[in-house]
Amino acid sequence: MLLVSGRRKIFMSKSRVLFKSLTFMTVDVSGIIPTVEKEMDGTSGALYAIFLNALVASLKSQPPGEATPKVWASALKDSCAALSRYTPARPGDRTLVDALYPFVEVLEKTSDVKKAAEAAQEAAGKTKGMPASLGRTVYVGGSGFEKVPDPGAWGLASFFQGLAGIKKADDGWEKL
């Protein structure tokens, strides 16, 4: 899996084992944080770092056992709450939050990671043409951004698609 922030790329592998052992995955998610904090610059990097640190804290507070979709949904919801204390971004602002919140909400309701990933992708697609109220588009300005989805929302939705096993390298995505 690949997260892109500006010139930086962060590779994340083994994402489909996400719903296995809670202890294993807490350690695995913890291992991503130093790379995100060091390599992802800009606001997105800070938001990912805050979110992932909150996610690990929430996962550690869960009782030992299987990391079910319900456990993950609860931890992700806690992480969204933590993130909202540091950013005013909400769905409709044309940011990565536009894909994040629908993923968490649908995962919580259905326990189905594929449906959650599809909801994130649909929401990211809806950022195309959406006026930007936060993020790079606001301070860089210019035109043309309205013809494409928000890159942060699209990138996060793509991560969720990979997590759910929906997108494959031959779907036109970057081949490594």
N, C-alpha and C. Protein backbone atom coordinates (compact mmCIF):
# COMPACT_ATOMS: atom_id res chain seq x y z
N MET A 1 0.85 -1.17 0.00
CA MET A 1 0.00 0.00 0.00
C MET A 1 0.90 1.22 0.00
N LEU A 2 0.42 2.28 -0.56
CA LEU A 2 1.23 3.47 -0.76
C LEU A 2 0.44 4.69 -0.33
N LEU A 3 1.06 5.50 0.51
CA LEU A 3 0.50 6.80 0.86
C LEU A 3 1.45 7.84 0.28
N VAL A 4 0.91 8.85 -0.34
CA VAL A 4 1.73 9.87 -0.97
C VAL A 4 1.43 11.22 -0.33
N SER A 5 2.48 11.94 0.02
CA SER A 5 2.33 13.30 0.54
C SER A 5 3.39 14.15 -0.12
N GLY A 6 2.95 14.98 -1.06
CA GLY A 6 3.93 15.80 -1.77
C GLY A 6 4.90 14.91 -2.52
N ARG A 7 6.18 15.06 -2.24
CA ARG A 7 7.20 14.26 -2.90
C ARG A 7 7.43 12.93 -2.20
N ARG A 8 6.91 12.76 -1.03
CA ARG A 8 7.21 11.59 -0.21
C ARG A 8 6.22 10.45 -0.46
N LYS A 9 6.74 9.24 -0.43
CA LYS A 9 5.90 8.06 -0.55
C LYS A 9 6.18 7.17 0.66
N ILE A 10 5.13 6.67 1.25
CA ILE A 10 5.26 5.76 2.37
C ILE A 10 4.61 4.45 1.96
N PHE A 11 5.36 3.38 2.03
CA PHE A 11 4.85 2.09 1.64
C PHE A 11 4.34 1.34 2.88
N MET A 12 3.14 0.82 2.76
CA MET A 12 2.57 0.05 3.85
C MET A 12 2.17 -1.30 3.26
N SER A 13 2.62 -2.38 3.88
CA SER A 13 2.30 -3.70 3.36
C SER A 13 1.46 -4.47 4.36
N LYS A 14 0.99 -5.61 3.91
CA LYS A 14 0.23 -6.53 4.76
C LYS A 14 -1.05 -5.91 5.29
N SER A 15 -1.64 -4.98 4.57
CA SER A 15 -2.81 -4.28 5.10
C SER A 15 -4.03 -5.18 5.20
N ARG A 16 -4.09 -6.27 4.44
CA ARG A 16 -5.27 -7.11 4.51
C ARG A 16 -5.32 -7.99 5.75
N VAL A 17 -4.26 -8.05 6.53
CA VAL A 17 -4.29 -8.81 7.78
C VAL A 17 -4.78 -7.95 8.93
N LEU A 18 -5.33 -6.81 8.61
CA LEU A 18 -5.72 -5.82 9.61
C LEU A 18 -6.67 -6.35 10.68
N PHE A 19 -7.55 -7.24 10.33
CA PHE A 19 -8.57 -7.68 11.27
C PHE A 19 -8.20 -8.99 11.97
N LYS A 20 -6.96 -9.19 12.29
CA LYS A 20 -6.54 -10.41 12.98
C LYS A 20 -6.34 -10.12 14.46
N SER A 21 -5.16 -10.39 14.96
CA SER A 21 -4.88 -10.23 16.39
C SER A 21 -4.76 -8.77 16.78
N LEU A 22 -5.48 -8.38 17.82
CA LEU A 22 -5.46 -7.00 18.29
C LEU A 22 -4.07 -6.60 18.76
N THR A 23 -3.41 -7.45 19.50
CA THR A 23 -2.06 -7.15 19.99
C THR A 23 -1.09 -6.98 18.83
N PHE A 24 -1.12 -7.92 17.89
CA PHE A 24 -0.22 -7.85 16.73
C PHE A 24 -0.45 -6.57 15.95
N MET A 25 -1.72 -6.25 15.70
CA MET A 25 -2.01 -5.08 14.88
C MET A 25 -1.70 -3.78 15.59
N THR A 26 -1.85 -3.74 16.91
CA THR A 26 -1.49 -2.52 17.65
C THR A 26 0.00 -2.26 17.49
N VAL A 27 0.79 -3.31 17.60
CA VAL A 27 2.24 -3.18 17.41
C VAL A 27 2.54 -2.79 15.97
N ASP A 28 1.85 -3.40 15.01
CA ASP A 28 2.08 -3.11 13.60
C ASP A 28 1.73 -1.66 13.27
N VAL A 29 0.59 -1.18 13.74
CA VAL A 29 0.20 0.21 13.50
C VAL A 29 1.20 1.15 14.19
N SER A 30 1.63 0.79 15.39
CA SER A 30 2.63 1.60 16.10
C SER A 30 3.91 1.74 15.29
N GLY A 31 4.25 0.71 14.55
CA GLY A 31 5.47 0.74 13.75
C GLY A 31 5.41 1.70 12.58
N ILE A 32 4.22 2.05 12.14
CA ILE A 32 4.05 2.97 11.01
C ILE A 32 4.28 4.42 11.46
N ILE A 33 3.94 4.71 12.70
CA ILE A 33 3.92 6.10 13.18
C ILE A 33 5.26 6.83 13.02
N PRO A 34 6.39 6.25 13.41
CA PRO A 34 7.65 7.00 13.24
C PRO A 34 7.92 7.37 11.78
N THR A 35 7.58 6.49 10.85
CA THR A 35 7.79 6.80 9.44
C THR A 35 6.89 7.95 9.00
N VAL A 36 5.62 7.90 9.41
CA VAL A 36 4.68 8.97 9.07
C VAL A 36 5.17 10.30 9.65
N GLU A 37 5.58 10.27 10.92
CA GLU A 37 6.03 11.51 11.57
C GLU A 37 7.29 12.07 10.94
N LYS A 38 8.17 11.20 10.46
CA LYS A 38 9.44 11.66 9.89
C LYS A 38 9.34 11.99 8.40
N GLU A 39 8.57 11.21 7.65
CA GLU A 39 8.60 11.31 6.19
C GLU A 39 7.45 12.08 5.55
N MET A 40 6.30 12.12 6.19
CA MET A 40 5.16 12.83 5.59
C MET A 40 5.17 14.27 6.07
N ASP A 41 5.33 15.17 5.14
CA ASP A 41 5.36 16.57 5.52
C ASP A 41 3.99 17.20 5.31
N GLY A 42 3.88 18.43 5.66
CA GLY A 42 2.64 19.17 5.45
C GLY A 42 1.56 18.82 6.47
N THR A 43 0.43 19.42 6.25
CA THR A 43 -0.70 19.21 7.15
C THR A 43 -1.16 17.77 7.15
N SER A 44 -1.18 17.13 5.99
CA SER A 44 -1.62 15.74 5.93
C SER A 44 -0.75 14.85 6.80
N GLY A 45 0.55 15.07 6.78
CA GLY A 45 1.44 14.27 7.62
C GLY A 45 1.11 14.43 9.09
N ALA A 46 0.86 15.66 9.51
CA ALA A 46 0.50 15.92 10.91
C ALA A 46 -0.84 15.26 11.25
N LEU A 47 -1.80 15.35 10.35
CA LEU A 47 -3.11 14.75 10.60
C LEU A 47 -3.00 13.23 10.69
N TYR A 48 -2.24 12.62 9.78
CA TYR A 48 -2.04 11.17 9.86
C TYR A 48 -1.36 10.78 11.17
N ALA A 49 -0.36 11.54 11.59
CA ALA A 49 0.35 11.23 12.84
C ALA A 49 -0.59 11.32 14.04
N ILE A 50 -1.38 12.37 14.11
CA ILE A 50 -2.35 12.52 15.21
C ILE A 50 -3.34 11.36 15.18
N PHE A 51 -3.87 11.08 14.00
CA PHE A 51 -4.86 10.02 13.87
C PHE A 51 -4.29 8.66 14.27
N LEU A 52 -3.11 8.33 13.76
CA LEU A 52 -2.51 7.02 14.07
C LEU A 52 -2.14 6.88 15.54
N ASN A 53 -1.63 7.95 16.14
CA ASN A 53 -1.33 7.89 17.58
C ASN A 53 -2.61 7.68 18.39
N ALA A 54 -3.68 8.35 18.02
CA ALA A 54 -4.96 8.15 18.70
C ALA A 54 -5.50 6.74 18.46
N LEU A 55 -5.28 6.22 17.26
CA LEU A 55 -5.72 4.87 16.94
C LEU A 55 -5.01 3.84 17.81
N VAL A 56 -3.70 3.98 17.94
CA VAL A 56 -2.94 3.06 18.79
C VAL A 56 -3.40 3.15 20.24
N ALA A 57 -3.60 4.35 20.73
CA ALA A 57 -4.07 4.53 22.11
C ALA A 57 -5.42 3.85 22.31
N SER A 58 -6.31 4.01 21.34
CA SER A 58 -7.63 3.38 21.46
C SER A 58 -7.54 1.86 21.37
N LEU A 59 -6.71 1.36 20.47
CA LEU A 59 -6.54 -0.09 20.36
C LEU A 59 -5.96 -0.69 21.64
N LYS A 60 -5.01 0.02 22.24
CA LYS A 60 -4.42 -0.46 23.50
C LYS A 60 -5.43 -0.49 24.64
N SER A 61 -6.46 0.34 24.56
CA SER A 61 -7.46 0.39 25.62
C SER A 61 -8.51 -0.72 25.47
N GLN A 62 -8.50 -1.41 24.34
CA GLN A 62 -9.46 -2.49 24.11
C GLN A 62 -9.03 -3.74 24.89
N PRO A 63 -9.98 -4.57 25.29
CA PRO A 63 -9.60 -5.82 25.95
C PRO A 63 -8.89 -6.74 24.96
N PRO A 64 -8.00 -7.60 25.44
CA PRO A 64 -7.28 -8.52 24.53
C PRO A 64 -8.27 -9.39 23.76
N GLY A 65 -7.87 -9.77 22.58
CA GLY A 65 -8.72 -10.65 21.78
C GLY A 65 -8.59 -10.36 20.31
N GLU A 66 -9.57 -10.84 19.57
CA GLU A 66 -9.58 -10.69 18.12
C GLU A 66 -9.89 -9.24 17.75
N ALA A 67 -9.19 -8.76 16.75
CA ALA A 67 -9.42 -7.40 16.26
C ALA A 67 -10.52 -7.46 15.20
N THR A 68 -11.74 -7.52 15.64
CA THR A 68 -12.89 -7.61 14.74
C THR A 68 -13.16 -6.26 14.09
N PRO A 69 -13.95 -6.24 13.02
CA PRO A 69 -14.32 -4.96 12.43
C PRO A 69 -15.00 -4.03 13.45
N LYS A 70 -15.77 -4.56 14.37
CA LYS A 70 -16.42 -3.72 15.39
C LYS A 70 -15.37 -3.07 16.29
N VAL A 71 -14.34 -3.83 16.68
CA VAL A 71 -13.27 -3.28 17.50
C VAL A 71 -12.56 -2.17 16.74
N TRP A 72 -12.25 -2.43 15.47
CA TRP A 72 -11.58 -1.43 14.64
C TRP A 72 -12.46 -0.19 14.46
N ALA A 73 -13.75 -0.40 14.23
CA ALA A 73 -14.66 0.73 14.05
C ALA A 73 -14.68 1.60 15.29
N SER A 74 -14.71 0.97 16.45
CA SER A 74 -14.72 1.73 17.70
C SER A 74 -13.43 2.53 17.85
N ALA A 75 -12.31 1.89 17.56
CA ALA A 75 -11.01 2.57 17.68
C ALA A 75 -10.89 3.70 16.65
N LEU A 76 -11.37 3.46 15.44
CA LEU A 76 -11.33 4.48 14.40
C LEU A 76 -12.23 5.66 14.76
N LYS A 77 -13.37 5.38 15.35
CA LYS A 77 -14.27 6.46 15.78
C LYS A 77 -13.61 7.31 16.85
N ASP A 78 -12.93 6.66 17.81
CA ASP A 78 -12.17 7.40 18.83
C ASP A 78 -11.10 8.27 18.18
N SER A 79 -10.44 7.73 17.16
CA SER A 79 -9.38 8.47 16.47
C SER A 79 -9.94 9.68 15.72
N CYS A 80 -11.13 9.53 15.14
CA CYS A 80 -11.78 10.67 14.48
C CYS A 80 -12.09 11.76 15.49
N ALA A 81 -12.55 11.35 16.67
CA ALA A 81 -12.85 12.33 17.72
C ALA A 81 -11.57 13.07 18.14
N ALA A 82 -10.48 12.33 18.29
CA ALA A 82 -9.20 12.95 18.65
C ALA A 82 -8.75 13.91 17.55
N LEU A 83 -8.87 13.48 16.31
CA LEU A 83 -8.45 14.31 15.18
C LEU A 83 -9.27 15.60 15.13
N SER A 84 -10.55 15.51 15.45
CA SER A 84 -11.41 16.70 15.37
C SER A 84 -11.05 17.75 16.42
N ARG A 85 -10.28 17.37 17.43
CA ARG A 85 -9.81 18.36 18.41
C ARG A 85 -8.66 19.21 17.85
N TYR A 86 -8.02 18.74 16.77
CA TYR A 86 -6.86 19.42 16.22
C TYR A 86 -7.09 20.05 14.85
N THR A 87 -8.20 19.71 14.21
CA THR A 87 -8.49 20.30 12.90
C THR A 87 -9.97 20.60 12.80
N PRO A 88 -10.30 21.70 12.15
CA PRO A 88 -11.72 22.00 11.93
C PRO A 88 -12.30 21.21 10.76
N ALA A 89 -11.46 20.45 10.05
CA ALA A 89 -11.92 19.73 8.86
C ALA A 89 -13.04 18.75 9.19
N ARG A 90 -14.10 18.85 8.40
CA ARG A 90 -15.25 17.97 8.51
C ARG A 90 -15.67 17.58 7.09
N PRO A 91 -16.45 16.53 6.95
CA PRO A 91 -16.92 16.20 5.60
C PRO A 91 -17.56 17.42 4.94
N GLY A 92 -17.21 17.61 3.68
CA GLY A 92 -17.69 18.77 2.93
C GLY A 92 -16.67 19.87 2.81
N ASP A 93 -15.52 19.73 3.48
CA ASP A 93 -14.46 20.74 3.41
C ASP A 93 -13.44 20.45 2.30
N ARG A 94 -13.61 19.34 1.58
CA ARG A 94 -12.69 18.93 0.52
C ARG A 94 -11.30 18.62 1.09
N THR A 95 -11.27 17.65 2.01
CA THR A 95 -10.03 17.18 2.63
C THR A 95 -10.09 15.66 2.75
N LEU A 96 -9.05 15.07 3.30
CA LEU A 96 -9.03 13.63 3.51
C LEU A 96 -10.15 13.17 4.44
N VAL A 97 -10.67 14.07 5.26
CA VAL A 97 -11.77 13.75 6.16
C VAL A 97 -13.03 13.34 5.38
N ASP A 98 -13.17 13.83 4.15
CA ASP A 98 -14.32 13.47 3.33
C ASP A 98 -14.37 11.96 3.05
N ALA A 99 -13.25 11.30 3.00
CA ALA A 99 -13.21 9.84 2.81
C ALA A 99 -13.16 9.10 4.14
N LEU A 100 -12.52 9.69 5.13
CA LEU A 100 -12.33 9.02 6.42
C LEU A 100 -13.64 8.77 7.15
N TYR A 101 -14.45 9.79 7.32
CA TYR A 101 -15.67 9.66 8.12
C TYR A 101 -16.64 8.63 7.54
N PRO A 102 -16.90 8.63 6.23
CA PRO A 102 -17.80 7.61 5.69
C PRO A 102 -17.27 6.18 5.89
N PHE A 103 -15.95 6.01 5.77
CA PHE A 103 -15.37 4.69 6.00
C PHE A 103 -15.68 4.22 7.42
N VAL A 104 -15.42 5.08 8.39
CA VAL A 104 -15.63 4.72 9.80
C VAL A 104 -17.12 4.47 10.08
N GLU A 105 -17.97 5.35 9.57
CA GLU A 105 -19.42 5.21 9.82
C GLU A 105 -19.98 3.92 9.24
N VAL A 106 -19.61 3.59 8.01
CA VAL A 106 -20.12 2.38 7.38
C VAL A 106 -19.52 1.13 8.03
N LEU A 107 -18.25 1.18 8.39
CA LEU A 107 -17.64 0.04 9.09
C LEU A 107 -18.34 -0.20 10.42
N GLU A 108 -18.66 0.87 11.12
CA GLU A 108 -19.35 0.74 12.41
C GLU A 108 -20.75 0.13 12.22
N LYS A 109 -21.46 0.55 11.18
CA LYS A 109 -22.83 0.06 10.95
C LYS A 109 -22.88 -1.36 10.41
N THR A 110 -21.92 -1.71 9.54
CA THR A 110 -22.03 -2.98 8.80
C THR A 110 -20.98 -4.02 9.16
N SER A 111 -19.87 -3.62 9.74
CA SER A 111 -18.72 -4.50 9.99
C SER A 111 -18.15 -5.06 8.68
N ASP A 112 -18.42 -4.40 7.59
CA ASP A 112 -17.99 -4.86 6.27
C ASP A 112 -16.98 -3.87 5.70
N VAL A 113 -15.71 -4.28 5.68
CA VAL A 113 -14.64 -3.37 5.24
C VAL A 113 -14.79 -3.00 3.76
N LYS A 114 -15.32 -3.92 2.95
CA LYS A 114 -15.51 -3.61 1.52
C LYS A 114 -16.57 -2.52 1.35
N LYS A 115 -17.68 -2.64 2.07
CA LYS A 115 -18.73 -1.60 1.98
C LYS A 115 -18.19 -0.28 2.50
N ALA A 116 -17.40 -0.33 3.56
CA ALA A 116 -16.82 0.90 4.12
C ALA A 116 -15.86 1.54 3.11
N ALA A 117 -15.05 0.72 2.45
CA ALA A 117 -14.11 1.24 1.46
C ALA A 117 -14.85 1.83 0.26
N GLU A 118 -15.94 1.19 -0.14
CA GLU A 118 -16.74 1.72 -1.24
C GLU A 118 -17.37 3.07 -0.86
N ALA A 119 -17.81 3.19 0.39
CA ALA A 119 -18.38 4.46 0.86
C ALA A 119 -17.32 5.55 0.85
N ALA A 120 -16.10 5.21 1.25
CA ALA A 120 -15.00 6.19 1.24
C ALA A 120 -14.69 6.62 -0.18
N GLN A 121 -14.67 5.66 -1.11
CA GLN A 121 -14.37 5.98 -2.51
C GLN A 121 -15.46 6.86 -3.11
N GLU A 122 -16.71 6.54 -2.81
CA GLU A 122 -17.82 7.35 -3.30
C GLU A 122 -17.73 8.79 -2.77
N ALA A 123 -17.44 8.91 -1.47
CA ALA A 123 -17.33 10.24 -0.86
C ALA A 123 -16.15 11.01 -1.44
N ALA A 124 -15.04 10.33 -1.67
CA ALA A 124 -13.88 11.00 -2.26
C ALA A 124 -14.21 11.49 -3.66
N GLY A 125 -14.94 10.70 -4.42
CA GLY A 125 -15.35 11.11 -5.75
C GLY A 125 -16.22 12.34 -5.74
N LYS A 126 -17.02 12.47 -4.70
CA LYS A 126 -17.91 13.63 -4.58
C LYS A 126 -17.16 14.93 -4.28
N THR A 127 -15.87 14.84 -3.94
CA THR A 127 -15.11 16.07 -3.71
C THR A 127 -14.76 16.76 -5.04
N LYS A 128 -14.91 16.03 -6.14
CA LYS A 128 -14.71 16.64 -7.46
C LYS A 128 -15.75 17.72 -7.65
N GLY A 129 -15.31 18.94 -7.91
CA GLY A 129 -16.20 20.07 -8.10
C GLY A 129 -16.60 20.76 -6.80
N MET A 130 -16.25 20.16 -5.68
CA MET A 130 -16.60 20.75 -4.38
C MET A 130 -15.71 21.95 -4.10
N PRO A 131 -16.29 23.07 -3.66
CA PRO A 131 -15.44 24.21 -3.29
C PRO A 131 -14.59 23.85 -2.07
N ALA A 132 -13.34 24.25 -2.10
CA ALA A 132 -12.43 23.95 -1.00
C ALA A 132 -12.55 25.02 0.08
N SER A 133 -12.66 24.58 1.32
CA SER A 133 -12.68 25.53 2.42
C SER A 133 -11.46 25.37 3.32
N LEU A 134 -10.75 24.28 3.18
CA LEU A 134 -9.51 24.01 3.93
C LEU A 134 -8.53 23.31 3.01
N GLY A 135 -7.29 23.27 3.42
CA GLY A 135 -6.30 22.50 2.68
C GLY A 135 -5.52 23.29 1.66
N ARG A 136 -4.66 22.56 0.96
CA ARG A 136 -3.73 23.15 0.00
C ARG A 136 -4.43 23.95 -1.08
N THR A 137 -5.56 23.47 -1.55
CA THR A 137 -6.28 24.15 -2.63
C THR A 137 -6.63 25.58 -2.25
N VAL A 138 -6.92 25.82 -0.98
CA VAL A 138 -7.30 27.15 -0.53
C VAL A 138 -6.11 28.10 -0.58
N TYR A 139 -4.96 27.68 -0.08
CA TYR A 139 -3.84 28.62 -0.03
C TYR A 139 -2.99 28.65 -1.28
N VAL A 140 -3.06 27.63 -2.12
CA VAL A 140 -2.32 27.67 -3.38
C VAL A 140 -3.14 28.41 -4.43
N GLY A 141 -4.44 28.18 -4.40
CA GLY A 141 -5.32 28.87 -5.34
C GLY A 141 -5.23 28.32 -6.74
N GLY A 142 -5.64 29.12 -7.68
CA GLY A 142 -5.61 28.70 -9.07
C GLY A 142 -6.90 28.02 -9.47
N SER A 143 -6.86 27.38 -10.62
CA SER A 143 -8.04 26.70 -11.11
C SER A 143 -7.66 25.30 -11.59
N GLY A 144 -8.64 24.53 -11.91
CA GLY A 144 -8.42 23.17 -12.37
C GLY A 144 -8.67 22.14 -11.28
N PHE A 145 -8.51 22.55 -10.02
CA PHE A 145 -8.70 21.60 -8.92
C PHE A 145 -10.13 21.06 -8.90
N GLU A 146 -11.07 21.85 -9.37
CA GLU A 146 -12.46 21.44 -9.32
C GLU A 146 -12.77 20.30 -10.31
N LYS A 147 -11.82 20.01 -11.20
CA LYS A 147 -12.01 18.95 -12.18
C LYS A 147 -11.58 17.57 -11.68
N VAL A 148 -10.94 17.56 -10.52
CA VAL A 148 -10.46 16.30 -9.96
C VAL A 148 -10.87 16.19 -8.49
N PRO A 149 -10.96 14.97 -7.98
CA PRO A 149 -11.27 14.81 -6.55
C PRO A 149 -10.13 15.35 -5.69
N ASP A 150 -10.44 15.66 -4.44
CA ASP A 150 -9.40 16.09 -3.51
C ASP A 150 -8.35 14.99 -3.40
N PRO A 151 -7.05 15.33 -3.57
CA PRO A 151 -6.01 14.31 -3.53
C PRO A 151 -5.92 13.58 -2.19
N GLY A 152 -6.12 14.29 -1.08
CA GLY A 152 -6.07 13.64 0.23
C GLY A 152 -7.20 12.65 0.43
N ALA A 153 -8.40 13.04 0.04
CA ALA A 153 -9.55 12.15 0.15
C ALA A 153 -9.39 10.96 -0.79
N TRP A 154 -8.93 11.22 -2.01
CA TRP A 154 -8.77 10.16 -2.99
C TRP A 154 -7.68 9.18 -2.54
N GLY A 155 -6.58 9.71 -2.03
CA GLY A 155 -5.49 8.84 -1.57
C GLY A 155 -5.92 7.96 -0.41
N LEU A 156 -6.64 8.52 0.55
CA LEU A 156 -7.09 7.74 1.69
C LEU A 156 -8.13 6.70 1.25
N ALA A 157 -9.03 7.08 0.36
CA ALA A 157 -10.01 6.13 -0.16
C ALA A 157 -9.30 5.00 -0.91
N SER A 158 -8.25 5.32 -1.62
CA SER A 158 -7.48 4.29 -2.34
C SER A 158 -6.81 3.34 -1.35
N PHE A 159 -6.31 3.87 -0.25
CA PHE A 159 -5.75 3.03 0.80
C PHE A 159 -6.82 2.06 1.32
N PHE A 160 -8.01 2.58 1.59
CA PHE A 160 -9.09 1.75 2.08
C PHE A 160 -9.49 0.70 1.04
N GLN A 161 -9.45 1.06 -0.24
CA GLN A 161 -9.75 0.09 -1.30
C GLN A 161 -8.73 -1.05 -1.26
N GLY A 162 -7.46 -0.71 -1.10
CA GLY A 162 -6.43 -1.74 -1.00
C GLY A 162 -6.61 -2.60 0.23
N LEU A 163 -6.95 -1.98 1.32
CA LEU A 163 -7.21 -2.67 2.58
C LEU A 163 -8.31 -3.71 2.40
N ALA A 164 -9.34 -3.35 1.66
CA ALA A 164 -10.47 -4.24 1.43
C ALA A 164 -10.22 -5.24 0.31
N GLY A 165 -9.08 -5.11 -0.37
CA GLY A 165 -8.77 -6.01 -1.47
C GLY A 165 -9.55 -5.70 -2.74
N ILE A 166 -10.02 -4.47 -2.87
CA ILE A 166 -10.84 -4.09 -4.02
C ILE A 166 -9.98 -3.67 -5.21
N LYS A 167 -8.98 -2.84 -4.98
CA LYS A 167 -8.14 -2.34 -6.08
C LYS A 167 -6.94 -3.27 -6.28
N LYS A 168 -6.61 -3.49 -7.54
CA LYS A 168 -5.45 -4.30 -7.89
C LYS A 168 -4.51 -3.44 -8.73
N ALA A 169 -3.26 -3.83 -8.80
CA ALA A 169 -2.26 -3.04 -9.54
C ALA A 169 -2.65 -2.87 -11.01
N ASP A 170 -3.39 -3.84 -11.60
CA ASP A 170 -3.75 -3.72 -12.99
C ASP A 170 -4.99 -2.86 -13.23
N ASP A 171 -5.49 -2.21 -12.18
CA ASP A 171 -6.62 -1.29 -12.32
C ASP A 171 -6.18 0.10 -12.75
N GLY A 172 -4.94 0.25 -13.17
CA GLY A 172 -4.46 1.54 -13.61
C GLY A 172 -3.73 2.31 -12.53
N TRP A 173 -3.58 1.72 -11.35
CA TRP A 173 -2.88 2.39 -10.25
C TRP A 173 -1.40 2.25 -10.48
N GLU A 174 -0.65 3.07 -9.81
CA GLU A 174 0.80 3.08 -9.94
C GLU A 174 1.36 1.69 -9.65
N LYS A 175 2.18 1.21 -10.55
CA LYS A 175 2.84 -0.08 -10.34
C LYS A 175 4.22 0.17 -9.78
N LEU A 176 4.58 -0.59 -8.80
CA LEU A 176 5.86 -0.39 -8.13
C LEU A 176 6.87 -1.41 -8.59
